[in-house]
Amino acid sequence: MTRSRWLGLLPLIALLGALLGCSPQASPQTTLPSHAGLPPEAIETLALIQRGGPFPYRKDGSTFQNRERLLPGKPRGFYREYTVPTPGARDRGARRIVTGGDPPEVFYYTADHYRSFRKIEPLP
C-alpha cells in the first residue's frame, strides 16, 4: 500500500481509536503495521468483534470448522467466523475474520474464502 493510501486511512484509524478509547496521541506507526494491508471493512469488523457486536450478518459468530486445516488444529467450537463486508457484493462475499478462543485470543483474516489465512493482531 502506498504512503498516500495510508494517509487516506488515518482519519478512519483515528475514529476507530476514539471509539475504542485509544489515546489520540498514539502514533499511526504503532497501529498501522499490525494491520497493514487490511481493508477498512476488516478493521471495522475487528472492532465489532472486540466490542462483542452487534453483528450485521446472521452467520457472524458461528463455528468455523477449519475443514481446510490451514489453521492450527483445535477442538470443535474453538474457531468462530465473522463476515468482512465487500463493497458492491450482493452476498456476504469472500472476506472473513476467524477468531480462536472465548474470549478471542487469536485472529485470522482471509480475503479468499478460506483458501489462505493471515494472522492479525487485535486492535489496541
N, C-alpha and C. Protein backbone atom coordinates (compact mmCIF):
# COMPACT_ATOMS: atom_id res chain seq x y z
N MET A 1 0.86 -1.17 0.00
CA MET A 1 0.00 0.00 0.00
C MET A 1 0.90 1.23 0.00
N THR A 2 0.53 2.19 -0.80
CA THR A 2 1.35 3.38 -0.92
C THR A 2 1.16 4.30 0.28
N ARG A 3 2.12 5.19 0.45
CA ARG A 3 2.06 6.14 1.57
C ARG A 3 0.80 7.00 1.50
N SER A 4 0.41 7.42 0.28
CA SER A 4 -0.78 8.26 0.16
C SER A 4 -2.04 7.50 0.56
N ARG A 5 -2.09 6.20 0.28
CA ARG A 5 -3.25 5.41 0.70
C ARG A 5 -3.29 5.27 2.22
N TRP A 6 -2.10 5.09 2.84
CA TRP A 6 -2.03 5.02 4.30
C TRP A 6 -2.55 6.33 4.90
N LEU A 7 -2.09 7.44 4.33
CA LEU A 7 -2.51 8.73 4.86
C LEU A 7 -4.02 8.90 4.72
N GLY A 8 -4.59 8.35 3.67
CA GLY A 8 -6.04 8.40 3.49
C GLY A 8 -6.78 7.60 4.54
N LEU A 9 -6.14 6.58 5.11
CA LEU A 9 -6.76 5.76 6.15
C LEU A 9 -6.65 6.36 7.55
N LEU A 10 -5.79 7.34 7.72
CA LEU A 10 -5.56 7.90 9.05
C LEU A 10 -6.84 8.41 9.72
N PRO A 11 -7.74 9.13 9.01
CA PRO A 11 -8.96 9.57 9.68
C PRO A 11 -9.80 8.40 10.20
N LEU A 12 -9.90 7.32 9.41
CA LEU A 12 -10.65 6.14 9.85
C LEU A 12 -10.00 5.51 11.08
N ILE A 13 -8.69 5.42 11.07
CA ILE A 13 -7.97 4.83 12.19
C ILE A 13 -8.13 5.70 13.44
N ALA A 14 -8.08 7.01 13.27
CA ALA A 14 -8.28 7.91 14.40
C ALA A 14 -9.69 7.76 14.97
N LEU A 15 -10.68 7.63 14.08
CA LEU A 15 -12.06 7.44 14.54
C LEU A 15 -12.21 6.13 15.29
N LEU A 16 -11.65 5.05 14.75
CA LEU A 16 -11.71 3.76 15.44
C LEU A 16 -11.01 3.84 16.79
N GLY A 17 -9.87 4.52 16.83
CA GLY A 17 -9.15 4.67 18.09
C GLY A 17 -9.99 5.41 19.11
N ALA A 18 -10.67 6.47 18.66
CA ALA A 18 -11.52 7.23 19.58
C ALA A 18 -12.67 6.37 20.08
N LEU A 19 -13.28 5.59 19.18
CA LEU A 19 -14.40 4.72 19.58
C LEU A 19 -13.96 3.65 20.57
N LEU A 20 -12.72 3.19 20.44
CA LEU A 20 -12.21 2.14 21.32
C LEU A 20 -11.51 2.70 22.55
N GLY A 21 -11.49 4.02 22.68
CA GLY A 21 -10.90 4.64 23.86
C GLY A 21 -9.38 4.74 23.81
N CYS A 22 -8.81 4.68 22.61
CA CYS A 22 -7.36 4.82 22.49
C CYS A 22 -6.96 6.28 22.61
N SER A 23 -5.76 6.50 23.02
CA SER A 23 -5.25 7.85 23.16
C SER A 23 -5.12 8.52 21.81
N PRO A 24 -5.59 9.77 21.66
CA PRO A 24 -5.42 10.47 20.39
C PRO A 24 -3.96 10.80 20.12
N GLN A 25 -3.10 10.67 21.11
CA GLN A 25 -1.69 10.94 20.93
C GLN A 25 -0.94 9.77 20.31
N ALA A 26 -1.61 8.62 20.15
CA ALA A 26 -0.93 7.44 19.62
C ALA A 26 -0.44 7.70 18.20
N SER A 27 0.75 7.27 17.93
CA SER A 27 1.34 7.44 16.61
C SER A 27 0.71 6.44 15.65
N PRO A 28 0.42 6.85 14.40
CA PRO A 28 -0.13 5.90 13.44
C PRO A 28 0.80 4.71 13.21
N GLN A 29 2.10 4.91 13.39
CA GLN A 29 3.03 3.81 13.20
C GLN A 29 2.82 2.69 14.21
N THR A 30 2.23 2.98 15.37
CA THR A 30 2.00 1.94 16.35
C THR A 30 0.79 1.09 15.99
N THR A 31 -0.12 1.61 15.17
CA THR A 31 -1.33 0.89 14.80
C THR A 31 -1.22 0.26 13.42
N LEU A 32 -0.71 0.99 12.45
CA LEU A 32 -0.74 0.54 11.07
C LEU A 32 0.01 -0.76 10.79
N PRO A 33 1.25 -0.95 11.26
CA PRO A 33 1.96 -2.15 10.84
C PRO A 33 1.26 -3.46 11.16
N SER A 34 0.62 -3.59 12.32
CA SER A 34 -0.02 -4.84 12.67
C SER A 34 -1.28 -5.10 11.85
N HIS A 35 -1.78 -4.07 11.17
CA HIS A 35 -2.98 -4.22 10.34
C HIS A 35 -2.71 -3.84 8.90
N ALA A 36 -1.43 -3.78 8.52
CA ALA A 36 -1.06 -3.38 7.17
C ALA A 36 -1.75 -4.27 6.14
N GLY A 37 -2.34 -3.63 5.16
CA GLY A 37 -2.97 -4.37 4.08
C GLY A 37 -4.40 -4.79 4.33
N LEU A 38 -4.91 -4.60 5.54
CA LEU A 38 -6.31 -4.95 5.81
C LEU A 38 -7.22 -3.88 5.22
N PRO A 39 -8.31 -4.29 4.59
CA PRO A 39 -9.25 -3.28 4.11
C PRO A 39 -9.94 -2.61 5.30
N PRO A 40 -10.43 -1.39 5.12
CA PRO A 40 -11.10 -0.69 6.22
C PRO A 40 -12.26 -1.48 6.80
N GLU A 41 -12.96 -2.24 5.97
CA GLU A 41 -14.09 -3.04 6.46
C GLU A 41 -13.62 -4.13 7.43
N ALA A 42 -12.41 -4.65 7.23
CA ALA A 42 -11.87 -5.66 8.15
C ALA A 42 -11.56 -5.03 9.49
N ILE A 43 -11.04 -3.81 9.48
CA ILE A 43 -10.74 -3.12 10.74
C ILE A 43 -12.05 -2.84 11.48
N GLU A 44 -13.09 -2.45 10.75
CA GLU A 44 -14.40 -2.21 11.38
C GLU A 44 -14.96 -3.50 11.97
N THR A 45 -14.83 -4.61 11.23
CA THR A 45 -15.32 -5.90 11.73
C THR A 45 -14.53 -6.33 12.96
N LEU A 46 -13.22 -6.12 12.94
CA LEU A 46 -12.39 -6.45 14.09
C LEU A 46 -12.83 -5.66 15.32
N ALA A 47 -13.14 -4.38 15.13
CA ALA A 47 -13.62 -3.56 16.25
C ALA A 47 -14.95 -4.09 16.78
N LEU A 48 -15.85 -4.52 15.88
CA LEU A 48 -17.13 -5.10 16.31
C LEU A 48 -16.91 -6.37 17.13
N ILE A 49 -16.00 -7.21 16.66
CA ILE A 49 -15.71 -8.46 17.37
C ILE A 49 -15.21 -8.15 18.77
N GLN A 50 -14.30 -7.20 18.87
CA GLN A 50 -13.72 -6.87 20.17
C GLN A 50 -14.74 -6.23 21.11
N ARG A 51 -15.77 -5.57 20.54
CA ARG A 51 -16.84 -4.98 21.36
C ARG A 51 -17.93 -5.99 21.69
N GLY A 52 -17.93 -7.13 20.99
CA GLY A 52 -18.96 -8.14 21.23
C GLY A 52 -20.21 -7.92 20.39
N GLY A 53 -20.12 -7.12 19.31
CA GLY A 53 -21.26 -6.91 18.41
C GLY A 53 -21.90 -5.57 18.65
N PRO A 54 -23.06 -5.36 18.07
CA PRO A 54 -23.91 -6.30 17.33
C PRO A 54 -23.35 -6.54 15.93
N PHE A 55 -23.63 -7.72 15.40
CA PHE A 55 -23.10 -8.13 14.11
C PHE A 55 -24.20 -8.05 13.04
N PRO A 56 -23.83 -7.57 11.86
CA PRO A 56 -24.84 -7.35 10.82
C PRO A 56 -25.28 -8.61 10.07
N TYR A 57 -24.54 -9.70 10.17
CA TYR A 57 -24.88 -10.91 9.43
C TYR A 57 -25.28 -12.03 10.39
N ARG A 58 -26.31 -12.76 10.00
CA ARG A 58 -26.85 -13.84 10.84
C ARG A 58 -25.79 -14.88 11.19
N LYS A 59 -24.90 -15.17 10.26
CA LYS A 59 -23.89 -16.22 10.49
C LYS A 59 -22.67 -15.74 11.27
N ASP A 60 -22.58 -14.44 11.54
CA ASP A 60 -21.44 -13.94 12.30
C ASP A 60 -21.42 -14.57 13.69
N GLY A 61 -20.25 -15.08 14.06
CA GLY A 61 -20.10 -15.74 15.35
C GLY A 61 -20.34 -17.23 15.30
N SER A 62 -20.69 -17.75 14.12
CA SER A 62 -20.93 -19.19 14.01
C SER A 62 -19.59 -19.95 14.02
N THR A 63 -19.67 -21.23 14.34
CA THR A 63 -18.47 -22.06 14.43
C THR A 63 -17.82 -22.22 13.06
N PHE A 64 -16.53 -21.99 13.03
CA PHE A 64 -15.73 -22.24 11.83
C PHE A 64 -15.11 -23.62 11.98
N GLN A 65 -15.33 -24.49 11.01
CA GLN A 65 -14.93 -25.89 11.11
C GLN A 65 -13.45 -26.16 10.86
N ASN A 66 -12.75 -25.25 10.17
CA ASN A 66 -11.34 -25.46 9.82
C ASN A 66 -11.16 -26.73 8.98
N ARG A 67 -12.13 -26.98 8.08
CA ARG A 67 -12.06 -28.17 7.22
C ARG A 67 -10.82 -28.17 6.33
N GLU A 68 -10.38 -26.98 5.97
CA GLU A 68 -9.20 -26.85 5.11
C GLU A 68 -7.91 -27.18 5.87
N ARG A 69 -8.00 -27.18 7.18
CA ARG A 69 -6.87 -27.46 8.08
C ARG A 69 -5.69 -26.53 7.84
N LEU A 70 -6.01 -25.29 7.52
CA LEU A 70 -4.96 -24.29 7.33
C LEU A 70 -4.62 -23.57 8.63
N LEU A 71 -5.54 -23.63 9.59
CA LEU A 71 -5.29 -23.05 10.91
C LEU A 71 -4.84 -24.17 11.85
N PRO A 72 -4.17 -23.79 12.94
CA PRO A 72 -3.74 -24.82 13.89
C PRO A 72 -4.92 -25.67 14.37
N GLY A 73 -4.68 -26.97 14.52
CA GLY A 73 -5.72 -27.89 14.98
C GLY A 73 -6.17 -27.55 16.39
N LYS A 74 -7.47 -27.41 16.57
CA LYS A 74 -8.06 -27.11 17.87
C LYS A 74 -9.37 -27.88 17.98
N PRO A 75 -9.92 -28.01 19.18
CA PRO A 75 -11.20 -28.71 19.34
C PRO A 75 -12.34 -27.98 18.62
N ARG A 76 -13.34 -28.73 18.23
CA ARG A 76 -14.52 -28.16 17.57
C ARG A 76 -15.10 -27.05 18.46
N GLY A 77 -15.45 -25.95 17.83
CA GLY A 77 -16.02 -24.82 18.55
C GLY A 77 -15.00 -23.78 18.96
N PHE A 78 -13.71 -24.07 18.79
CA PHE A 78 -12.68 -23.11 19.16
C PHE A 78 -12.71 -21.89 18.24
N TYR A 79 -12.92 -22.12 16.94
CA TYR A 79 -12.89 -21.04 15.96
C TYR A 79 -14.29 -20.53 15.64
N ARG A 80 -14.39 -19.20 15.48
CA ARG A 80 -15.65 -18.53 15.08
C ARG A 80 -15.35 -17.66 13.88
N GLU A 81 -16.33 -17.50 13.00
CA GLU A 81 -16.13 -16.69 11.80
C GLU A 81 -17.05 -15.48 11.76
N TYR A 82 -16.54 -14.42 11.15
CA TYR A 82 -17.26 -13.16 11.03
C TYR A 82 -17.07 -12.60 9.62
N THR A 83 -18.13 -12.07 9.05
CA THR A 83 -18.10 -11.53 7.70
C THR A 83 -17.42 -10.17 7.67
N VAL A 84 -16.53 -10.00 6.70
CA VAL A 84 -15.96 -8.69 6.40
C VAL A 84 -16.67 -8.23 5.12
N PRO A 85 -17.52 -7.21 5.21
CA PRO A 85 -18.28 -6.78 4.03
C PRO A 85 -17.36 -6.44 2.84
N THR A 86 -17.86 -6.76 1.67
CA THR A 86 -17.16 -6.44 0.42
C THR A 86 -18.01 -5.42 -0.32
N PRO A 87 -17.51 -4.19 -0.47
CA PRO A 87 -18.30 -3.18 -1.18
C PRO A 87 -18.71 -3.67 -2.57
N GLY A 88 -19.99 -3.49 -2.88
CA GLY A 88 -20.51 -3.88 -4.18
C GLY A 88 -20.95 -5.33 -4.28
N ALA A 89 -20.61 -6.17 -3.30
CA ALA A 89 -21.02 -7.58 -3.34
C ALA A 89 -22.50 -7.70 -3.01
N ARG A 90 -23.18 -8.60 -3.69
CA ARG A 90 -24.61 -8.83 -3.45
C ARG A 90 -24.85 -9.85 -2.33
N ASP A 91 -23.78 -10.54 -1.93
CA ASP A 91 -23.90 -11.51 -0.85
C ASP A 91 -22.83 -11.19 0.19
N ARG A 92 -22.51 -12.15 1.04
CA ARG A 92 -21.52 -11.92 2.09
C ARG A 92 -20.11 -11.76 1.55
N GLY A 93 -19.87 -12.12 0.32
CA GLY A 93 -18.53 -12.01 -0.24
C GLY A 93 -17.61 -13.08 0.31
N ALA A 94 -16.31 -12.94 0.04
CA ALA A 94 -15.33 -13.97 0.38
C ALA A 94 -14.49 -13.62 1.60
N ARG A 95 -14.60 -12.41 2.09
CA ARG A 95 -13.70 -11.97 3.16
C ARG A 95 -14.27 -12.31 4.54
N ARG A 96 -13.40 -12.82 5.41
CA ARG A 96 -13.81 -13.19 6.76
C ARG A 96 -12.68 -12.91 7.76
N ILE A 97 -13.08 -12.73 9.00
CA ILE A 97 -12.15 -12.80 10.12
C ILE A 97 -12.56 -14.02 10.92
N VAL A 98 -11.59 -14.85 11.24
CA VAL A 98 -11.81 -16.05 12.05
C VAL A 98 -11.08 -15.83 13.36
N THR A 99 -11.79 -16.03 14.46
CA THR A 99 -11.19 -15.87 15.78
C THR A 99 -11.06 -17.24 16.44
N GLY A 100 -10.17 -17.32 17.39
CA GLY A 100 -10.00 -18.54 18.15
C GLY A 100 -10.02 -18.25 19.64
N GLY A 101 -10.80 -19.03 20.37
CA GLY A 101 -10.89 -18.87 21.81
C GLY A 101 -12.13 -18.10 22.22
N ASP A 102 -12.46 -18.19 23.49
CA ASP A 102 -13.61 -17.49 24.04
C ASP A 102 -13.25 -16.98 25.43
N PRO A 103 -12.91 -15.71 25.56
CA PRO A 103 -12.92 -14.65 24.55
C PRO A 103 -11.83 -14.89 23.52
N PRO A 104 -11.95 -14.24 22.34
CA PRO A 104 -10.97 -14.46 21.28
C PRO A 104 -9.55 -14.14 21.73
N GLU A 105 -8.65 -15.06 21.44
CA GLU A 105 -7.24 -14.88 21.78
C GLU A 105 -6.35 -14.85 20.55
N VAL A 106 -6.90 -15.26 19.41
CA VAL A 106 -6.15 -15.26 18.16
C VAL A 106 -7.11 -14.86 17.04
N PHE A 107 -6.58 -14.12 16.04
CA PHE A 107 -7.39 -13.59 14.95
C PHE A 107 -6.71 -13.88 13.62
N TYR A 108 -7.51 -14.28 12.63
CA TYR A 108 -7.01 -14.54 11.28
C TYR A 108 -7.92 -13.83 10.28
N TYR A 109 -7.31 -13.38 9.17
CA TYR A 109 -8.06 -12.75 8.10
C TYR A 109 -7.89 -13.57 6.82
N THR A 110 -8.99 -13.77 6.10
CA THR A 110 -8.95 -14.39 4.78
C THR A 110 -9.71 -13.51 3.80
N ALA A 111 -9.11 -13.26 2.66
CA ALA A 111 -9.76 -12.47 1.61
C ALA A 111 -10.30 -13.37 0.51
N ASP A 112 -10.01 -14.67 0.61
CA ASP A 112 -10.34 -15.60 -0.48
C ASP A 112 -11.16 -16.81 -0.01
N HIS A 113 -12.06 -16.57 0.90
CA HIS A 113 -12.98 -17.59 1.42
C HIS A 113 -12.27 -18.86 1.86
N TYR A 114 -11.34 -18.70 2.78
CA TYR A 114 -10.66 -19.79 3.48
C TYR A 114 -9.58 -20.51 2.68
N ARG A 115 -9.17 -19.98 1.53
CA ARG A 115 -8.07 -20.62 0.79
C ARG A 115 -6.73 -20.24 1.39
N SER A 116 -6.67 -19.10 2.06
CA SER A 116 -5.45 -18.67 2.74
C SER A 116 -5.84 -17.81 3.93
N PHE A 117 -4.97 -17.80 4.92
CA PHE A 117 -5.21 -17.01 6.13
C PHE A 117 -3.96 -16.22 6.46
N ARG A 118 -4.20 -15.10 7.12
CA ARG A 118 -3.12 -14.27 7.64
C ARG A 118 -3.44 -13.97 9.10
N LYS A 119 -2.52 -14.25 9.99
CA LYS A 119 -2.73 -13.93 11.40
C LYS A 119 -2.68 -12.42 11.57
N ILE A 120 -3.63 -11.86 12.31
CA ILE A 120 -3.67 -10.42 12.56
C ILE A 120 -3.74 -10.19 14.06
N GLU A 121 -3.39 -9.00 14.46
CA GLU A 121 -3.41 -8.63 15.88
C GLU A 121 -4.73 -7.94 16.20
N PRO A 122 -5.18 -8.06 17.44
CA PRO A 122 -6.38 -7.29 17.84
C PRO A 122 -6.06 -5.80 17.83
N LEU A 123 -7.10 -5.00 17.77
CA LEU A 123 -6.91 -3.56 17.83
C LEU A 123 -6.48 -3.18 19.24
N PRO A 124 -5.68 -2.13 19.36
CA PRO A 124 -5.23 -1.71 20.70
C PRO A 124 -6.38 -1.15 21.50
